[in-house]
Amino acid sequence: MPIAVDIDVMLARRKMSVGELAERVGITPANLAVLKNGRAKAVRFTTLAALCEVLECQPGDLLRWEPDDGGGGAGGRDGEGAVERAAHGVPGG
């Protein structure tokens, strides 16, 4: 996934556990693990703001963009880009 999540880095810097962060942010440890491990498809701005408040950091300290290795165009979203182009009648691949 082209968005890398660095919550682990901030947790280590703050010497905080995943459980403590989840409790202070107001989300379940399971949902925090999904986000932390890069499996989340989205994150609410309210959750991101709460993470930043608790960890005393900026959103860019938690999230960063990394290009895909596949070089699939459309922001590196191979399948999605093709589907979106087809849906809008745009040729290409």
PDB file of N, CA and C in Angstrom:
ATOM      1  N   MET A   1       0.845  -1.174   0.000  1.00  0.00           N
ATOM      2  CA  MET A   1       0.000   0.000   0.000  1.00  0.00           C
ATOM      3  C   MET A   1       0.892   1.239   0.000  1.00  0.00           C
ATOM      4  N   PRO A   2       0.580   2.232  -0.777  1.00  0.00           N
ATOM      5  CA  PRO A   2       1.462   3.390  -0.882  1.00  0.00           C
ATOM      6  C   PRO A   2       1.461   4.302   0.341  1.00  0.00           C
ATOM      7  N   ILE A   3       0.522   4.157   1.269  1.00  0.00           N
ATOM      8  CA  ILE A   3       0.534   4.954   2.493  1.00  0.00           C
ATOM      9  C   ILE A   3       1.105   4.099   3.615  1.00  0.00           C
ATOM     10  N   ALA A   4       2.233   4.536   4.159  1.00  0.00           N
ATOM     11  CA  ALA A   4       2.873   3.825   5.261  1.00  0.00           C
ATOM     12  C   ALA A   4       2.443   4.484   6.571  1.00  0.00           C
ATOM     13  N   VAL A   5       2.211   3.673   7.582  1.00  0.00           N
ATOM     14  CA  VAL A   5       1.764   4.155   8.891  1.00  0.00           C
ATOM     15  C   VAL A   5       2.903   3.962   9.882  1.00  0.00           C
ATOM     16  N   ASP A   6       3.307   5.048  10.534  1.00  0.00           N
ATOM     17  CA  ASP A   6       4.432   5.021  11.468  1.00  0.00           C
ATOM     18  C   ASP A   6       4.011   5.200  12.923  1.00  0.00           C
ATOM     19  N   ILE A   7       2.865   4.650  13.285  1.00  0.00           N
ATOM     20  CA  ILE A   7       2.417   4.762  14.670  1.00  0.00           C
ATOM     21  C   ILE A   7       3.407   4.074  15.604  1.00  0.00           C
ATOM     22  N   ASP A   8       3.993   2.961  15.174  1.00  0.00           N
ATOM     23  CA  ASP A   8       4.974   2.251  16.007  1.00  0.00           C
ATOM     24  C   ASP A   8       6.127   3.166  16.410  1.00  0.00           C
ATOM     25  N   VAL A   9       6.587   3.971  15.463  1.00  0.00           N
ATOM     26  CA  VAL A   9       7.709   4.876  15.724  1.00  0.00           C
ATOM     27  C   VAL A   9       7.343   5.860  16.827  1.00  0.00           C
ATOM     28  N   MET A  10       6.147   6.456  16.713  1.00  0.00           N
ATOM     29  CA  MET A  10       5.725   7.436  17.707  1.00  0.00           C
ATOM     30  C   MET A  10       5.459   6.770  19.057  1.00  0.00           C
ATOM     31  N   LEU A  11       4.914   5.549  19.043  1.00  0.00           N
ATOM     32  CA  LEU A  11       4.708   4.827  20.303  1.00  0.00           C
ATOM     33  C   LEU A  11       6.041   4.591  21.011  1.00  0.00           C
ATOM     34  N   ALA A  12       7.046   4.198  20.261  1.00  0.00           N
ATOM     35  CA  ALA A  12       8.368   3.949  20.849  1.00  0.00           C
ATOM     36  C   ALA A  12       8.960   5.243  21.400  1.00  0.00           C
ATOM     37  N   ARG A  13       8.829   6.329  20.638  1.00  0.00           N
ATOM     38  CA  ARG A  13       9.371   7.618  21.097  1.00  0.00           C
ATOM     39  C   ARG A  13       8.683   8.097  22.378  1.00  0.00           C
ATOM     40  N   ARG A  14       7.401   7.805  22.494  1.00  0.00           N
ATOM     41  CA  ARG A  14       6.623   8.257  23.661  1.00  0.00           C
ATOM     42  C   ARG A  14       6.612   7.220  24.775  1.00  0.00           C
ATOM     43  N   LYS A  15       7.254   6.058  24.523  1.00  0.00           N
ATOM     44  CA  LYS A  15       7.275   4.961  25.496  1.00  0.00           C
ATOM     45  C   LYS A  15       5.866   4.633  25.970  1.00  0.00           C
ATOM     46  N   MET A  16       4.981   4.439  24.977  1.00  0.00           N
ATOM     47  CA  MET A  16       3.569   4.186  25.244  1.00  0.00           C
ATOM     48  C   MET A  16       3.177   2.848  24.618  1.00  0.00           C
ATOM     49  N   SER A  17       2.281   2.133  25.271  1.00  0.00           N
ATOM     50  CA  SER A  17       1.811   0.857  24.738  1.00  0.00           C
ATOM     51  C   SER A  17       0.637   1.074  23.789  1.00  0.00           C
ATOM     52  N   VAL A  18       0.385   0.076  22.964  1.00  0.00           N
ATOM     53  CA  VAL A  18      -0.755   0.126  22.050  1.00  0.00           C
ATOM     54  C   VAL A  18      -2.055   0.228  22.846  1.00  0.00           C
ATOM     55  N   GLY A  19      -2.142  -0.522  23.929  1.00  0.00           N
ATOM     56  CA  GLY A  19      -3.340  -0.498  24.760  1.00  0.00           C
ATOM     57  C   GLY A  19      -3.603   0.874  25.364  1.00  0.00           C
ATOM     58  N   GLU A  20      -2.546   1.508  25.855  1.00  0.00           N
ATOM     59  CA  GLU A  20      -2.696   2.848  26.436  1.00  0.00           C
ATOM     60  C   GLU A  20      -3.123   3.851  25.376  1.00  0.00           C
ATOM     61  N   LEU A  21      -2.493   3.781  24.197  1.00  0.00           N
ATOM     62  CA  LEU A  21      -2.858   4.704  23.124  1.00  0.00           C
ATOM     63  C   LEU A  21      -4.308   4.505  22.716  1.00  0.00           C
ATOM     64  N   ALA A  22      -4.726   3.262  22.545  1.00  0.00           N
ATOM     65  CA  ALA A  22      -6.108   2.974  22.152  1.00  0.00           C
ATOM     66  C   ALA A  22      -7.084   3.549  23.175  1.00  0.00           C
ATOM     67  N   GLU A  23      -6.784   3.339  24.442  1.00  0.00           N
ATOM     68  CA  GLU A  23      -7.672   3.838  25.498  1.00  0.00           C
ATOM     69  C   GLU A  23      -7.739   5.359  25.484  1.00  0.00           C
ATOM     70  N   ARG A  24      -6.601   6.017  25.358  1.00  0.00           N
ATOM     71  CA  ARG A  24      -6.568   7.485  25.395  1.00  0.00           C
ATOM     72  C   ARG A  24      -7.201   8.107  24.157  1.00  0.00           C
ATOM     73  N   VAL A  25      -7.118   7.406  23.007  1.00  0.00           N
ATOM     74  CA  VAL A  25      -7.708   7.907  21.768  1.00  0.00           C
ATOM     75  C   VAL A  25      -9.203   7.604  21.722  1.00  0.00           C
ATOM     76  N   GLY A  26      -9.612   6.512  22.372  1.00  0.00           N
ATOM     77  CA  GLY A  26     -11.017   6.140  22.380  1.00  0.00           C
ATOM     78  C   GLY A  26     -11.399   5.182  21.266  1.00  0.00           C
ATOM     79  N   ILE A  27     -10.453   4.322  20.868  1.00  0.00           N
ATOM     80  CA  ILE A  27     -10.743   3.280  19.883  1.00  0.00           C
ATOM     81  C   ILE A  27     -10.324   1.938  20.479  1.00  0.00           C
ATOM     82  N   THR A  28     -10.796   0.867  19.875  1.00  0.00           N
ATOM     83  CA  THR A  28     -10.438  -0.454  20.392  1.00  0.00           C
ATOM     84  C   THR A  28      -8.994  -0.791  20.012  1.00  0.00           C
ATOM     85  N   PRO A  29      -8.329  -1.582  20.835  1.00  0.00           N
ATOM     86  CA  PRO A  29      -6.983  -2.026  20.464  1.00  0.00           C
ATOM     87  C   PRO A  29      -6.970  -2.748  19.117  1.00  0.00           C
ATOM     88  N   ALA A  30      -8.037  -3.484  18.803  1.00  0.00           N
ATOM     89  CA  ALA A  30      -8.097  -4.191  17.515  1.00  0.00           C
ATOM     90  C   ALA A  30      -8.129  -3.204  16.351  1.00  0.00           C
ATOM     91  N   ASN A  31      -8.928  -2.147  16.471  1.00  0.00           N
ATOM     92  CA  ASN A  31      -8.983  -1.150  15.398  1.00  0.00           C
ATOM     93  C   ASN A  31      -7.671  -0.384  15.280  1.00  0.00           C
ATOM     94  N   LEU A  32      -7.025  -0.114  16.405  1.00  0.00           N
ATOM     95  CA  LEU A  32      -5.720   0.543  16.361  1.00  0.00           C
ATOM     96  C   LEU A  32      -4.700  -0.362  15.678  1.00  0.00           C
ATOM     97  N   ALA A  33      -4.766  -1.668  15.946  1.00  0.00           N
ATOM     98  CA  ALA A  33      -3.844  -2.612  15.312  1.00  0.00           C
ATOM     99  C   ALA A  33      -4.039  -2.636  13.799  1.00  0.00           C
ATOM    100  N   VAL A  34      -5.287  -2.574  13.344  1.00  0.00           N
ATOM    101  CA  VAL A  34      -5.563  -2.538  11.902  1.00  0.00           C
ATOM    102  C   VAL A  34      -4.911  -1.307  11.284  1.00  0.00           C
ATOM    103  N   LEU A  35      -5.062  -0.173  11.936  1.00  0.00           N
ATOM    104  CA  LEU A  35      -4.456   1.063  11.436  1.00  0.00           C
ATOM    105  C   LEU A  35      -2.936   0.989  11.512  1.00  0.00           C
ATOM    106  N   LYS A  36      -2.429   0.558  12.648  1.00  0.00           N
ATOM    107  CA  LYS A  36      -0.984   0.508  12.889  1.00  0.00           C
ATOM    108  C   LYS A  36      -0.268  -0.425  11.922  1.00  0.00           C
ATOM    109  N   ASN A  37      -0.921  -1.511  11.549  1.00  0.00           N
ATOM    110  CA  ASN A  37      -0.294  -2.496  10.670  1.00  0.00           C
ATOM    111  C   ASN A  37      -0.526  -2.228   9.186  1.00  0.00           C
ATOM    112  N   GLY A  38      -1.130  -1.080   8.876  1.00  0.00           N
ATOM    113  CA  GLY A  38      -1.295  -0.691   7.479  1.00  0.00           C
ATOM    114  C   GLY A  38      -2.414  -1.428   6.758  1.00  0.00           C
ATOM    115  N   ARG A  39      -3.345  -2.026   7.489  1.00  0.00           N
ATOM    116  CA  ARG A  39      -4.444  -2.756   6.855  1.00  0.00           C
ATOM    117  C   ARG A  39      -5.712  -1.927   6.717  1.00  0.00           C
ATOM    118  N   ALA A  40      -5.707  -0.721   7.273  1.00  0.00           N
ATOM    119  CA  ALA A  40      -6.898   0.139   7.208  1.00  0.00           C
ATOM    120  C   ALA A  40      -7.052   0.715   5.808  1.00  0.00           C
ATOM    121  N   LYS A  41      -8.286   0.832   5.359  1.00  0.00           N
ATOM    122  CA  LYS A  41      -8.583   1.441   4.064  1.00  0.00           C
ATOM    123  C   LYS A  41      -8.834   2.935   4.202  1.00  0.00           C
ATOM    124  N   ALA A  42      -9.128   3.385   5.413  1.00  0.00           N
ATOM    125  CA  ALA A  42      -9.417   4.799   5.658  1.00  0.00           C
ATOM    126  C   ALA A  42      -9.195   5.090   7.132  1.00  0.00           C
ATOM    127  N   VAL A  43      -9.060   6.364   7.446  1.00  0.00           N
ATOM    128  CA  VAL A  43      -8.988   6.800   8.831  1.00  0.00           C
ATOM    129  C   VAL A  43      -9.771   8.109   8.937  1.00  0.00           C
ATOM    130  N   ARG A  44     -10.606   8.205   9.942  1.00  0.00           N
ATOM    131  CA  ARG A  44     -11.371   9.434  10.154  1.00  0.00           C
ATOM    132  C   ARG A  44     -10.444  10.534  10.630  1.00  0.00           C
ATOM    133  N   PHE A  45     -10.736  11.743  10.200  1.00  0.00           N
ATOM    134  CA  PHE A  45      -9.929  12.874  10.656  1.00  0.00           C
ATOM    135  C   PHE A  45     -10.023  13.040  12.166  1.00  0.00           C
ATOM    136  N   THR A  46     -11.172  12.723  12.750  1.00  0.00           N
ATOM    137  CA  THR A  46     -11.293  12.836  14.207  1.00  0.00           C
ATOM    138  C   THR A  46     -10.357  11.848  14.908  1.00  0.00           C
ATOM    139  N   THR A  47     -10.215  10.652  14.344  1.00  0.00           N
ATOM    140  CA  THR A  47      -9.291   9.662  14.903  1.00  0.00           C
ATOM    141  C   THR A  47      -7.858  10.120  14.717  1.00  0.00           C
ATOM    142  N   LEU A  48      -7.536  10.624  13.533  1.00  0.00           N
ATOM    143  CA  LEU A  48      -6.187  11.119  13.265  1.00  0.00           C
ATOM    144  C   LEU A  48      -5.853  12.282  14.197  1.00  0.00           C
ATOM    145  N   ALA A  49      -6.806  13.180  14.388  1.00  0.00           N
ATOM    146  CA  ALA A  49      -6.594  14.315  15.294  1.00  0.00           C
ATOM    147  C   ALA A  49      -6.363  13.837  16.722  1.00  0.00           C
ATOM    148  N   ALA A  50      -7.138  12.845  17.161  1.00  0.00           N
ATOM    149  CA  ALA A  50      -6.965  12.315  18.516  1.00  0.00           C
ATOM    150  C   ALA A  50      -5.605  11.636  18.671  1.00  0.00           C
ATOM    151  N   LEU A  51      -5.176  10.898  17.651  1.00  0.00           N
ATOM    152  CA  LEU A  51      -3.850  10.275  17.686  1.00  0.00           C
ATOM    153  C   LEU A  51      -2.766  11.339  17.812  1.00  0.00           C
ATOM    154  N   CYS A  52      -2.896  12.394  17.019  1.00  0.00           N
ATOM    155  CA  CYS A  52      -1.904  13.475  17.050  1.00  0.00           C
ATOM    156  C   CYS A  52      -1.893  14.184  18.406  1.00  0.00           C
ATOM    157  N   GLU A  53      -3.079  14.391  18.975  1.00  0.00           N
ATOM    158  CA  GLU A  53      -3.160  15.052  20.280  1.00  0.00           C
ATOM    159  C   GLU A  53      -2.481  14.211  21.355  1.00  0.00           C
ATOM    160  N   VAL A  54      -2.820  12.932  21.408  1.00  0.00           N
ATOM    161  CA  VAL A  54      -2.268  12.049  22.433  1.00  0.00           C
ATOM    162  C   VAL A  54      -0.766  11.861  22.244  1.00  0.00           C
ATOM    163  N   LEU A  55      -0.331  11.695  21.000  1.00  0.00           N
ATOM    164  CA  LEU A  55       1.087  11.446  20.721  1.00  0.00           C
ATOM    165  C   LEU A  55       1.905  12.735  20.572  1.00  0.00           C
ATOM    166  N   GLU A  56       1.207  13.890  20.642  1.00  0.00           N
ATOM    167  CA  GLU A  56       1.854  15.203  20.508  1.00  0.00           C
ATOM    168  C   GLU A  56       2.711  15.253  19.245  1.00  0.00           C
ATOM    169  N   CYS A  57       2.032  15.025  18.110  1.00  0.00           N
ATOM    170  CA  CYS A  57       2.736  15.009  16.831  1.00  0.00           C
ATOM    171  C   CYS A  57       1.838  15.572  15.737  1.00  0.00           C
ATOM    172  N   GLN A  58       2.343  15.610  14.535  1.00  0.00           N
ATOM    173  CA  GLN A  58       1.611  16.063  13.361  1.00  0.00           C
ATOM    174  C   GLN A  58       1.177  14.839  12.543  1.00  0.00           C
ATOM    175  N   PRO A  59       0.124  14.980  11.714  1.00  0.00           N
ATOM    176  CA  PRO A  59      -0.300  13.846  10.874  1.00  0.00           C
ATOM    177  C   PRO A  59       0.840  13.261  10.038  1.00  0.00           C
ATOM    178  N   GLY A  60       1.717  14.109   9.555  1.00  0.00           N
ATOM    179  CA  GLY A  60       2.847  13.643   8.753  1.00  0.00           C
ATOM    180  C   GLY A  60       3.850  12.807   9.534  1.00  0.00           C
ATOM    181  N   ASP A  61       3.784  12.876  10.849  1.00  0.00           N
ATOM    182  CA  ASP A  61       4.632  12.011  11.680  1.00  0.00           C
ATOM    183  C   ASP A  61       4.080  10.594  11.734  1.00  0.00           C
ATOM    184  N   LEU A  62       2.794  10.450  11.423  1.00  0.00           N
ATOM    185  CA  LEU A  62       2.134   9.148  11.495  1.00  0.00           C
ATOM    186  C   LEU A  62       1.923   8.502  10.137  1.00  0.00           C
ATOM    187  N   LEU A  63       1.748   9.321   9.101  1.00  0.00           N
ATOM    188  CA  LEU A  63       1.440   8.817   7.761  1.00  0.00           C
ATOM    189  C   LEU A  63       2.427   9.376   6.756  1.00  0.00           C
ATOM    190  N   ARG A  64       2.859   8.525   5.830  1.00  0.00           N
ATOM    191  CA  ARG A  64       3.720   8.997   4.740  1.00  0.00           C
ATOM    192  C   ARG A  64       3.413   8.186   3.487  1.00  0.00           C
ATOM    193  N   TRP A  65       3.648   8.800   2.350  1.00  0.00           N
ATOM    194  CA  TRP A  65       3.397   8.164   1.062  1.00  0.00           C
ATOM    195  C   TRP A  65       4.667   7.498   0.577  1.00  0.00           C
ATOM    196  N   GLU A  66       4.526   6.246   0.121  1.00  0.00           N
ATOM    197  CA  GLU A  66       5.626   5.501  -0.501  1.00  0.00           C
ATOM    198  C   GLU A  66       5.127   4.982  -1.839  1.00  0.00           C
ATOM    199  N   PRO A  67       5.854   5.222  -2.912  1.00  0.00           N
ATOM    200  CA  PRO A  67       5.399   4.705  -4.207  1.00  0.00           C
ATOM    201  C   PRO A  67       5.384   3.190  -4.219  1.00  0.00           C
ATOM    202  N   ASP A  68       4.405   2.633  -4.938  1.00  0.00           N
ATOM    203  CA  ASP A  68       4.337   1.177  -5.116  1.00  0.00           C
ATOM    204  C   ASP A  68       5.513   0.720  -5.951  1.00  0.00           C
ATOM    205  N   ASP A  69       5.951  -0.511  -5.758  1.00  0.00           N
ATOM    206  CA  ASP A  69       7.034  -1.077  -6.556  1.00  0.00           C
ATOM    207  C   ASP A  69       6.573  -1.397  -7.968  1.00  0.00           C
ATOM    208  N   GLY A  70       5.269  -1.645  -8.134  1.00  0.00           N
ATOM    209  CA  GLY A  70       4.738  -2.047  -9.430  1.00  0.00           C
ATOM    210  C   GLY A  70       4.734  -0.955 -10.479  1.00  0.00           C
ATOM    211  N   GLY A  71       4.763   0.306 -10.074  1.00  0.00           N
ATOM    212  CA  GLY A  71       4.755   1.402 -11.034  1.00  0.00           C
ATOM    213  C   GLY A  71       3.538   1.375 -11.931  1.00  0.00           C
ATOM    214  N   GLY A  72       2.359   1.131 -11.344  1.00  0.00           N
ATOM    215  CA  GLY A  72       1.145   0.929 -12.116  1.00  0.00           C
ATOM    216  C   GLY A  72       0.386   2.178 -12.492  1.00  0.00           C
ATOM    217  N   GLY A  73       0.990   3.354 -12.463  1.00  0.00           N
ATOM    218  CA  GLY A  73       0.280   4.564 -12.854  1.00  0.00           C
ATOM    219  C   GLY A  73      -0.877   4.868 -11.930  1.00  0.00           C
ATOM    220  N   ALA A  74      -1.614   5.918 -12.231  1.00  0.00           N
ATOM    221  CA  ALA A  74      -2.783   6.351 -11.453  1.00  0.00           C
ATOM    222  C   ALA A  74      -2.473   6.315  -9.960  1.00  0.00           C
ATOM    223  N   GLY A  75      -1.311   6.838  -9.596  1.00  0.00           N
ATOM    224  CA  GLY A  75      -0.951   6.853  -8.198  1.00  0.00           C
ATOM    225  C   GLY A  75      -0.527   5.488  -7.689  1.00  0.00           C
ATOM    226  N   GLY A  76      -0.212   4.569  -8.592  1.00  0.00           N
ATOM    227  CA  GLY A  76       0.244   3.251  -8.198  1.00  0.00           C
ATOM    228  C   GLY A  76      -0.879   2.285  -7.876  1.00  0.00           C
ATOM    229  N   ARG A  77      -2.104   2.636  -8.198  1.00  0.00           N
ATOM    230  CA  ARG A  77      -3.248   1.778  -7.879  1.00  0.00           C
ATOM    231  C   ARG A  77      -3.595   0.962  -9.108  1.00  0.00           C
ATOM    232  N   ASP A  78      -2.867  -0.085  -9.379  1.00  0.00           N
ATOM    233  CA  ASP A  78      -3.008  -0.863 -10.610  1.00  0.00           C
ATOM    234  C   ASP A  78      -4.452  -1.173 -10.963  1.00  0.00           C
ATOM    235  N   GLY A  79      -5.112  -1.975 -10.173  1.00  0.00           N
ATOM    236  CA  GLY A  79      -6.471  -2.392 -10.483  1.00  0.00           C
ATOM    237  C   GLY A  79      -7.460  -1.248 -10.419  1.00  0.00           C
ATOM    238  N   GLU A  80      -7.383  -0.441  -9.366  1.00  0.00           N
ATOM    239  CA  GLU A  80      -8.330   0.655  -9.204  1.00  0.00           C
ATOM    240  C   GLU A  80      -8.232   1.657 -10.330  1.00  0.00           C
ATOM    241  N   GLY A  81      -7.016   1.989 -10.746  1.00  0.00           N
ATOM    242  CA  GLY A  81      -6.841   2.958 -11.823  1.00  0.00           C
ATOM    243  C   GLY A  81      -7.490   2.488 -13.105  1.00  0.00           C
ATOM    244  N   ALA A  82      -7.312   1.209 -13.426  1.00  0.00           N
ATOM    245  CA  ALA A  82      -7.911   0.658 -14.635  1.00  0.00           C
ATOM    246  C   ALA A  82      -9.425   0.676 -14.544  1.00  0.00           C
ATOM    247  N   VAL A  83      -9.953   0.334 -13.387  1.00  0.00           N
ATOM    248  CA  VAL A  83     -11.402   0.335 -13.197  1.00  0.00           C
ATOM    249  C   VAL A  83     -11.946   1.747 -13.304  1.00  0.00           C
ATOM    250  N   GLU A  84     -11.275   2.710 -12.669  1.00  0.00           N
ATOM    251  CA  GLU A  84     -11.733   4.097 -12.728  1.00  0.00           C
ATOM    252  C   GLU A  84     -11.674   4.635 -14.158  1.00  0.00           C
ATOM    253  N   ARG A  85     -10.609   4.308 -14.885  1.00  0.00           N
ATOM    254  CA  ARG A  85     -10.494   4.789 -16.270  1.00  0.00           C
ATOM    255  C   ARG A  85     -11.615   4.202 -17.106  1.00  0.00           C
ATOM    256  N   ALA A  86     -11.881   2.911 -16.925  1.00  0.00           N
ATOM    257  CA  ALA A  86     -12.932   2.261 -17.704  1.00  0.00           C
ATOM    258  C   ALA A  86     -14.297   2.858 -17.367  1.00  0.00           C
ATOM    259  N   ALA A  87     -14.529   3.125 -16.093  1.00  0.00           N
ATOM    260  CA  ALA A  87     -15.822   3.677 -15.658  1.00  0.00           C
ATOM    261  C   ALA A  87     -16.061   5.053 -16.264  1.00  0.00           C
ATOM    262  N   HIS A  88     -14.989   5.788 -16.524  1.00  0.00           N
ATOM    263  CA  HIS A  88     -15.128   7.133 -17.074  1.00  0.00           C
ATOM    264  C   HIS A  88     -14.864   7.167 -18.576  1.00  0.00           C
ATOM    265  N   GLY A  89     -14.726   5.994 -19.168  1.00  0.00           N
ATOM    266  CA  GLY A  89     -14.530   5.920 -20.610  1.00  0.00           C
ATOM    267  C   GLY A  89     -13.173   6.408 -21.075  1.00  0.00           C
ATOM    268  N   VAL A  90     -12.189   6.342 -20.199  1.00  0.00           N
ATOM    269  CA  VAL A  90     -10.832   6.796 -20.551  1.00  0.00           C
ATOM    270  C   VAL A  90     -10.020   5.599 -20.974  1.00  0.00           C
ATOM    271  N   PRO A  91      -9.439   5.629 -22.169  1.00  0.00           N
ATOM    272  CA  PRO A  91      -8.608   4.502 -22.606  1.00  0.00           C
ATOM    273  C   PRO A  91      -7.275   4.501 -21.897  1.00  0.00           C
ATOM    274  N   GLY A  92      -6.606   3.408 -21.944  1.00  0.00           N
ATOM    275  CA  GLY A  92      -5.253   3.338 -21.399  1.00  0.00           C
ATOM    276  C   GLY A  92      -5.132   2.235 -20.388  1.00  0.00           C
ATOM    277  N   GLY A  93      -3.912   1.993 -20.012  1.00  0.00           N
ATOM    278  CA  GLY A  93      -3.716   0.900 -19.077  1.00  0.00           C
ATOM    279  C   GLY A  93      -2.444   1.040 -18.432  1.00  0.00           C
TER     280      GLY A  93
END
